Amino acid sequence: MIESISRNVPPLPPDFSLNEFSILKTLGERNNSGLTHRLMVVRIDSPLIRDAFESGEITLTAGTNFTRNGLIIQLNGSPAKISEFVKSIREQVAIRRISTNVIKPQVSNSDLDELEKKVLLTAYSNGYYQSPKKTSMRQLANLLDMSKSSVSNHLSSAESRLIEKYLHGP
């Protein structure tokens, strides 16, 4: 499953395909701050891409997006595994741009900012950290009027800061 995020763009038809990616079904659609979010089931016919994700060492994250111009992939994994994946995929697919975001704990300032506190408190109070989870990233995004990727990034940053503070003190 992936999410398509667009502004004033009609949905892609269910039979739309681009190279080795095909839309099988649109599961849902919601509007948030002028953006239309569509959750879609896609088929990836590339063995290279399928194999990279089967091991679980690289995962797709919130923010992966399928557009008429191509596929935007946000990955989570070790830098070495992601580099290996990018190197092998470059042999088969044109890559326009690569950007990185490494989340590092901030030792000198382990206090959470107001937005991180708000996102973390909302996640906690809605059962995100219970097992099984009582809410999803999508539900948190709706509650906070944010994108899933923003909620994910704020939670990750807050968790990193709290873990750093716990392990190494203030």
C-alpha atoms as a PDB file:
ATOM      1  CA  MET A   1       0.000   0.000   0.000  1.00  0.00           C
ATOM      2  CA  ILE A   2       1.112   3.533  -0.687  1.00  0.00           C
ATOM      3  CA  GLU A   3      -0.365   6.961  -0.262  1.00  0.00           C
ATOM      4  CA  SER A   4      -0.845   9.481  -3.034  1.00  0.00           C
ATOM      5  CA  ILE A   5      -0.900  13.117  -1.923  1.00  0.00           C
ATOM      6  CA  SER A   6      -2.058  15.751  -4.375  1.00  0.00           C
ATOM      7  CA  ARG A   7      -3.636  19.166  -4.670  1.00  0.00           C
ATOM      8  CA  ASN A   8      -6.480  19.618  -7.179  1.00  0.00           C
ATOM      9  CA  VAL A   9      -5.564  16.476  -9.118  1.00  0.00           C
ATOM     10  CA  PRO A  10      -8.195  13.888 -10.029  1.00  0.00           C
ATOM     11  CA  PRO A  11      -7.536  10.321  -8.863  1.00  0.00           C
ATOM     12  CA  LEU A  12      -5.484   8.053 -11.079  1.00  0.00           C
ATOM     13  CA  PRO A  13      -7.642   5.349 -12.691  1.00  0.00           C
ATOM     14  CA  PRO A  14      -7.525   1.862 -11.123  1.00  0.00           C
ATOM     15  CA  ASP A  15      -5.781   0.428 -14.178  1.00  0.00           C
ATOM     16  CA  PHE A  16      -3.066   3.132 -14.285  1.00  0.00           C
ATOM     17  CA  SER A  17       0.476   1.817 -14.541  1.00  0.00           C
ATOM     18  CA  LEU A  18       3.876   3.359 -14.934  1.00  0.00           C
ATOM     19  CA  ASN A  19       6.700   1.036 -15.924  1.00  0.00           C
ATOM     20  CA  GLU A  20       6.574  -1.776 -13.359  1.00  0.00           C
ATOM     21  CA  PHE A  21       4.090  -0.154 -10.937  1.00  0.00           C
ATOM     22  CA  SER A  22       0.323  -0.591 -11.294  1.00  0.00           C
ATOM     23  CA  ILE A  23      -2.578   0.694  -9.209  1.00  0.00           C
ATOM     24  CA  LEU A  24      -4.838  -2.210  -8.268  1.00  0.00           C
ATOM     25  CA  LYS A  25      -7.332  -0.422  -6.038  1.00  0.00           C
ATOM     26  CA  THR A  26      -7.926   2.832  -4.175  1.00  0.00           C
ATOM     27  CA  LEU A  27      -8.882   1.989  -0.590  1.00  0.00           C
ATOM     28  CA  GLY A  28      -9.817   5.421   0.647  1.00  0.00           C
ATOM     29  CA  GLU A  29      -9.536   9.143   0.196  1.00  0.00           C
ATOM     30  CA  ARG A  30      -9.476  12.067   2.615  1.00  0.00           C
ATOM     31  CA  ASN A  31      -8.851  15.792   2.414  1.00  0.00           C
ATOM     32  CA  ASN A  32      -6.527  17.554   4.828  1.00  0.00           C
ATOM     33  CA  SER A  33      -5.474  21.213   4.589  1.00  0.00           C
ATOM     34  CA  GLY A  34      -6.196  21.432   0.861  1.00  0.00           C
ATOM     35  CA  LEU A  35      -4.407  18.174   0.065  1.00  0.00           C
ATOM     36  CA  THR A  36      -6.106  15.000  -1.095  1.00  0.00           C
ATOM     37  CA  HIS A  37      -4.658  11.812   0.406  1.00  0.00           C
ATOM     38  CA  ARG A  38      -5.463   8.517  -1.308  1.00  0.00           C
ATOM     39  CA  LEU A  39      -4.482   5.134   0.094  1.00  0.00           C
ATOM     40  CA  MET A  40      -3.860   2.698  -2.756  1.00  0.00           C
ATOM     41  CA  VAL A  41      -2.899  -0.914  -3.253  1.00  0.00           C
ATOM     42  CA  VAL A  42      -0.209  -1.186  -5.927  1.00  0.00           C
ATOM     43  CA  ARG A  43       1.540  -4.048  -7.651  1.00  0.00           C
ATOM     44  CA  ILE A  44       5.294  -3.865  -8.138  1.00  0.00           C
ATOM     45  CA  ASP A  45       6.452  -6.164 -10.922  1.00  0.00           C
ATOM     46  CA  SER A  46      10.145  -5.456 -10.434  1.00  0.00           C
ATOM     47  CA  PRO A  47      11.907  -8.408  -8.745  1.00  0.00           C
ATOM     48  CA  LEU A  48      14.694  -6.055  -7.644  1.00  0.00           C
ATOM     49  CA  ILE A  49      12.336  -3.834  -5.665  1.00  0.00           C
ATOM     50  CA  ARG A  50      10.207  -6.701  -4.333  1.00  0.00           C
ATOM     51  CA  ASP A  51      13.289  -8.597  -3.132  1.00  0.00           C
ATOM     52  CA  ALA A  52      14.728  -5.536  -1.361  1.00  0.00           C
ATOM     53  CA  PHE A  53      11.644  -5.229   0.857  1.00  0.00           C
ATOM     54  CA  GLU A  54      11.014  -8.927   1.520  1.00  0.00           C
ATOM     55  CA  SER A  55      14.023  -9.166   3.852  1.00  0.00           C
ATOM     56  CA  GLY A  56      12.629  -6.427   6.109  1.00  0.00           C
ATOM     57  CA  GLU A  57      16.019  -4.671   6.248  1.00  0.00           C
ATOM     58  CA  ILE A  58      14.555  -1.806   4.221  1.00  0.00           C
ATOM     59  CA  THR A  59      10.973  -0.632   4.670  1.00  0.00           C
ATOM     60  CA  LEU A  60       8.735   1.892   2.962  1.00  0.00           C
ATOM     61  CA  THR A  61       7.616   4.658   5.290  1.00  0.00           C
ATOM     62  CA  ALA A  62       4.720   7.080   5.441  1.00  0.00           C
ATOM     63  CA  GLY A  63       5.090   9.574   2.627  1.00  0.00           C
ATOM     64  CA  THR A  64       5.731   7.106  -0.186  1.00  0.00           C
ATOM     65  CA  ASN A  65       3.756   8.573  -3.058  1.00  0.00           C
ATOM     66  CA  PHE A  66       2.749   7.458  -6.560  1.00  0.00           C
ATOM     67  CA  THR A  67       2.168  10.288  -9.078  1.00  0.00           C
ATOM     68  CA  ARG A  68       1.829  10.640 -12.845  1.00  0.00           C
ATOM     69  CA  ASN A  69       5.503  11.660 -12.872  1.00  0.00           C
ATOM     70  CA  GLY A  70       6.762   8.588 -11.051  1.00  0.00           C
ATOM     71  CA  LEU A  71       7.196   6.992  -7.689  1.00  0.00           C
ATOM     72  CA  ILE A  72       8.514   8.879  -4.675  1.00  0.00           C
ATOM     73  CA  ILE A  73       9.903   6.389  -2.205  1.00  0.00           C
ATOM     74  CA  GLN A  74      10.729   7.158   1.410  1.00  0.00           C
ATOM     75  CA  LEU A  75      12.793   4.407   2.985  1.00  0.00           C
ATOM     76  CA  ASN A  76      13.803   3.380   6.446  1.00  0.00           C
ATOM     77  CA  GLY A  77      16.831   1.189   7.039  1.00  0.00           C
ATOM     78  CA  SER A  78      20.539   1.217   7.631  1.00  0.00           C
ATOM     79  CA  PRO A  79      22.517   3.639   5.447  1.00  0.00           C
ATOM     80  CA  ALA A  80      24.514   0.697   4.057  1.00  0.00           C
ATOM     81  CA  LYS A  81      21.395  -1.245   2.982  1.00  0.00           C
ATOM     82  CA  ILE A  82      19.766   1.847   1.477  1.00  0.00           C
ATOM     83  CA  SER A  83      22.969   2.672  -0.443  1.00  0.00           C
ATOM     84  CA  GLU A  84      23.129  -0.899  -1.728  1.00  0.00           C
ATOM     85  CA  PHE A  85      19.481  -0.684  -2.836  1.00  0.00           C
ATOM     86  CA  VAL A  86      19.967   2.665  -4.593  1.00  0.00           C
ATOM     87  CA  LYS A  87      23.086   1.417  -6.369  1.00  0.00           C
ATOM     88  CA  SER A  88      21.324  -1.679  -7.711  1.00  0.00           C
ATOM     89  CA  ILE A  89      18.146   0.138  -8.711  1.00  0.00           C
ATOM     90  CA  ARG A  90      20.074   2.852 -10.589  1.00  0.00           C
ATOM     91  CA  GLU A  91      21.098   0.197 -13.096  1.00  0.00           C
ATOM     92  CA  GLN A  92      17.435  -0.290 -14.075  1.00  0.00           C
ATOM     93  CA  VAL A  93      15.576   2.932 -13.269  1.00  0.00           C
ATOM     94  CA  ALA A  94      16.363   6.598 -13.806  1.00  0.00           C
ATOM     95  CA  ILE A  95      16.590   8.348 -10.445  1.00  0.00           C
ATOM     96  CA  ARG A  96      16.053  12.092 -10.545  1.00  0.00           C
ATOM     97  CA  ARG A  97      16.926  13.014  -6.987  1.00  0.00           C
ATOM     98  CA  ILE A  98      17.994  11.482  -3.710  1.00  0.00           C
ATOM     99  CA  SER A  99      17.691  13.249  -0.400  1.00  0.00           C
ATOM    100  CA  THR A 100      18.427  11.975   3.072  1.00  0.00           C
ATOM    101  CA  ASN A 101      17.260  12.710   6.559  1.00  0.00           C
ATOM    102  CA  VAL A 102      19.160  11.033   9.348  1.00  0.00           C
ATOM    103  CA  ILE A 103      17.499  11.497  12.696  1.00  0.00           C
ATOM    104  CA  LYS A 104      20.135  11.833  15.379  1.00  0.00           C
ATOM    105  CA  PRO A 105      19.452  12.306  19.052  1.00  0.00           C
ATOM    106  CA  GLN A 106      20.215  15.820  20.174  1.00  0.00           C
ATOM    107  CA  VAL A 107      22.229  15.351  23.331  1.00  0.00           C
ATOM    108  CA  SER A 108      22.633  19.051  24.077  1.00  0.00           C
ATOM    109  CA  ASN A 109      18.894  19.714  23.942  1.00  0.00           C
ATOM    110  CA  SER A 110      16.955  16.652  25.029  1.00  0.00           C
ATOM    111  CA  ASP A 111      13.801  18.603  25.908  1.00  0.00           C
ATOM    112  CA  LEU A 112      10.941  18.182  23.480  1.00  0.00           C
ATOM    113  CA  ASP A 113       9.640  21.176  21.578  1.00  0.00           C
ATOM    114  CA  GLU A 114       5.938  22.040  21.859  1.00  0.00           C
ATOM    115  CA  LEU A 115       4.927  20.272  18.622  1.00  0.00           C
ATOM    116  CA  GLU A 116       6.799  17.094  19.567  1.00  0.00           C
ATOM    117  CA  LYS A 117       5.078  17.141  22.982  1.00  0.00           C
ATOM    118  CA  LYS A 118       1.672  17.632  21.352  1.00  0.00           C
ATOM    119  CA  VAL A 119       2.179  14.802  18.857  1.00  0.00           C
ATOM    120  CA  LEU A 120       3.607  12.445  21.493  1.00  0.00           C
ATOM    121  CA  LEU A 121       0.831  13.205  24.000  1.00  0.00           C
ATOM    122  CA  THR A 122      -1.851  12.710  21.324  1.00  0.00           C
ATOM    123  CA  ALA A 123      -0.297   9.392  20.301  1.00  0.00           C
ATOM    124  CA  TYR A 124      -0.032   8.214  23.899  1.00  0.00           C
ATOM    125  CA  SER A 125      -3.514   9.321  24.985  1.00  0.00           C
ATOM    126  CA  ASN A 126      -5.088   7.653  21.926  1.00  0.00           C
ATOM    127  CA  GLY A 127      -3.416   4.292  22.554  1.00  0.00           C
ATOM    128  CA  TYR A 128      -0.716   4.391  19.886  1.00  0.00           C
ATOM    129  CA  TYR A 129       1.801   2.832  22.281  1.00  0.00           C
ATOM    130  CA  GLN A 130      -0.534   0.116  23.568  1.00  0.00           C
ATOM    131  CA  SER A 131      -0.287  -3.444  22.339  1.00  0.00           C
ATOM    132  CA  PRO A 132      -2.212  -3.900  20.168  1.00  0.00           C
ATOM    133  CA  LYS A 133      -2.316  -0.287  19.004  1.00  0.00           C
ATOM    134  CA  LYS A 134      -5.648   1.440  19.611  1.00  0.00           C
ATOM    135  CA  THR A 135      -5.032   4.009  16.867  1.00  0.00           C
ATOM    136  CA  SER A 136      -3.092   4.292  13.626  1.00  0.00           C
ATOM    137  CA  MET A 137      -0.688   6.830  12.174  1.00  0.00           C
ATOM    138  CA  ARG A 138      -3.492   7.874   9.788  1.00  0.00           C
ATOM    139  CA  GLN A 139      -5.893   8.486  12.694  1.00  0.00           C
ATOM    140  CA  LEU A 140      -3.260  10.522  14.521  1.00  0.00           C
ATOM    141  CA  ALA A 141      -2.647  12.554  11.361  1.00  0.00           C
ATOM    142  CA  ASN A 142      -6.372  13.294  11.137  1.00  0.00           C
ATOM    143  CA  LEU A 143      -6.567  14.279  14.816  1.00  0.00           C
ATOM    144  CA  LEU A 144      -3.563  16.579  14.506  1.00  0.00           C
ATOM    145  CA  ASP A 145      -4.464  17.897  11.024  1.00  0.00           C
ATOM    146  CA  MET A 146      -1.021  16.865   9.778  1.00  0.00           C
ATOM    147  CA  SER A 147       0.309  14.479   7.160  1.00  0.00           C
ATOM    148  CA  LYS A 148       1.248  10.950   8.235  1.00  0.00           C
ATOM    149  CA  SER A 149       4.876  11.601   7.383  1.00  0.00           C
ATOM    150  CA  SER A 150       4.941  14.707   9.615  1.00  0.00           C
ATOM    151  CA  VAL A 151       3.405  12.797  12.519  1.00  0.00           C
ATOM    152  CA  SER A 152       5.886   9.971  11.966  1.00  0.00           C
ATOM    153  CA  ASN A 153       8.844  12.377  11.882  1.00  0.00           C
ATOM    154  CA  HIS A 154       7.743  14.212  15.056  1.00  0.00           C
ATOM    155  CA  LEU A 155       7.187  10.925  16.921  1.00  0.00           C
ATOM    156  CA  SER A 156      10.562   9.590  15.814  1.00  0.00           C
ATOM    157  CA  SER A 157      12.333  12.778  16.879  1.00  0.00           C
ATOM    158  CA  ALA A 158      10.554  12.852  20.248  1.00  0.00           C
ATOM    159  CA  GLU A 159      11.263   9.155  20.878  1.00  0.00           C
ATOM    160  CA  SER A 160      14.953   9.630  20.002  1.00  0.00           C
ATOM    161  CA  ARG A 161      15.283  12.570  22.380  1.00  0.00           C
ATOM    162  CA  LEU A 162      13.535  10.736  25.216  1.00  0.00           C
ATOM    163  CA  ILE A 163      15.638   7.590  24.752  1.00  0.00           C
ATOM    164  CA  GLU A 164      18.831   9.657  24.652  1.00  0.00           C
ATOM    165  CA  LYS A 165      17.805  11.462  27.833  1.00  0.00           C
ATOM    166  CA  TYR A 166      16.922   8.182  29.541  1.00  0.00           C
ATOM    167  CA  LEU A 167      20.152   6.420  28.585  1.00  0.00           C
ATOM    168  CA  HIS A 168      22.556   9.299  29.096  1.00  0.00           C
ATOM    169  CA  GLY A 169      20.787  11.586  31.568  1.00  0.00           C
ATOM    170  CA  PRO A 170      19.892  15.274  31.154  1.00  0.00           C
END
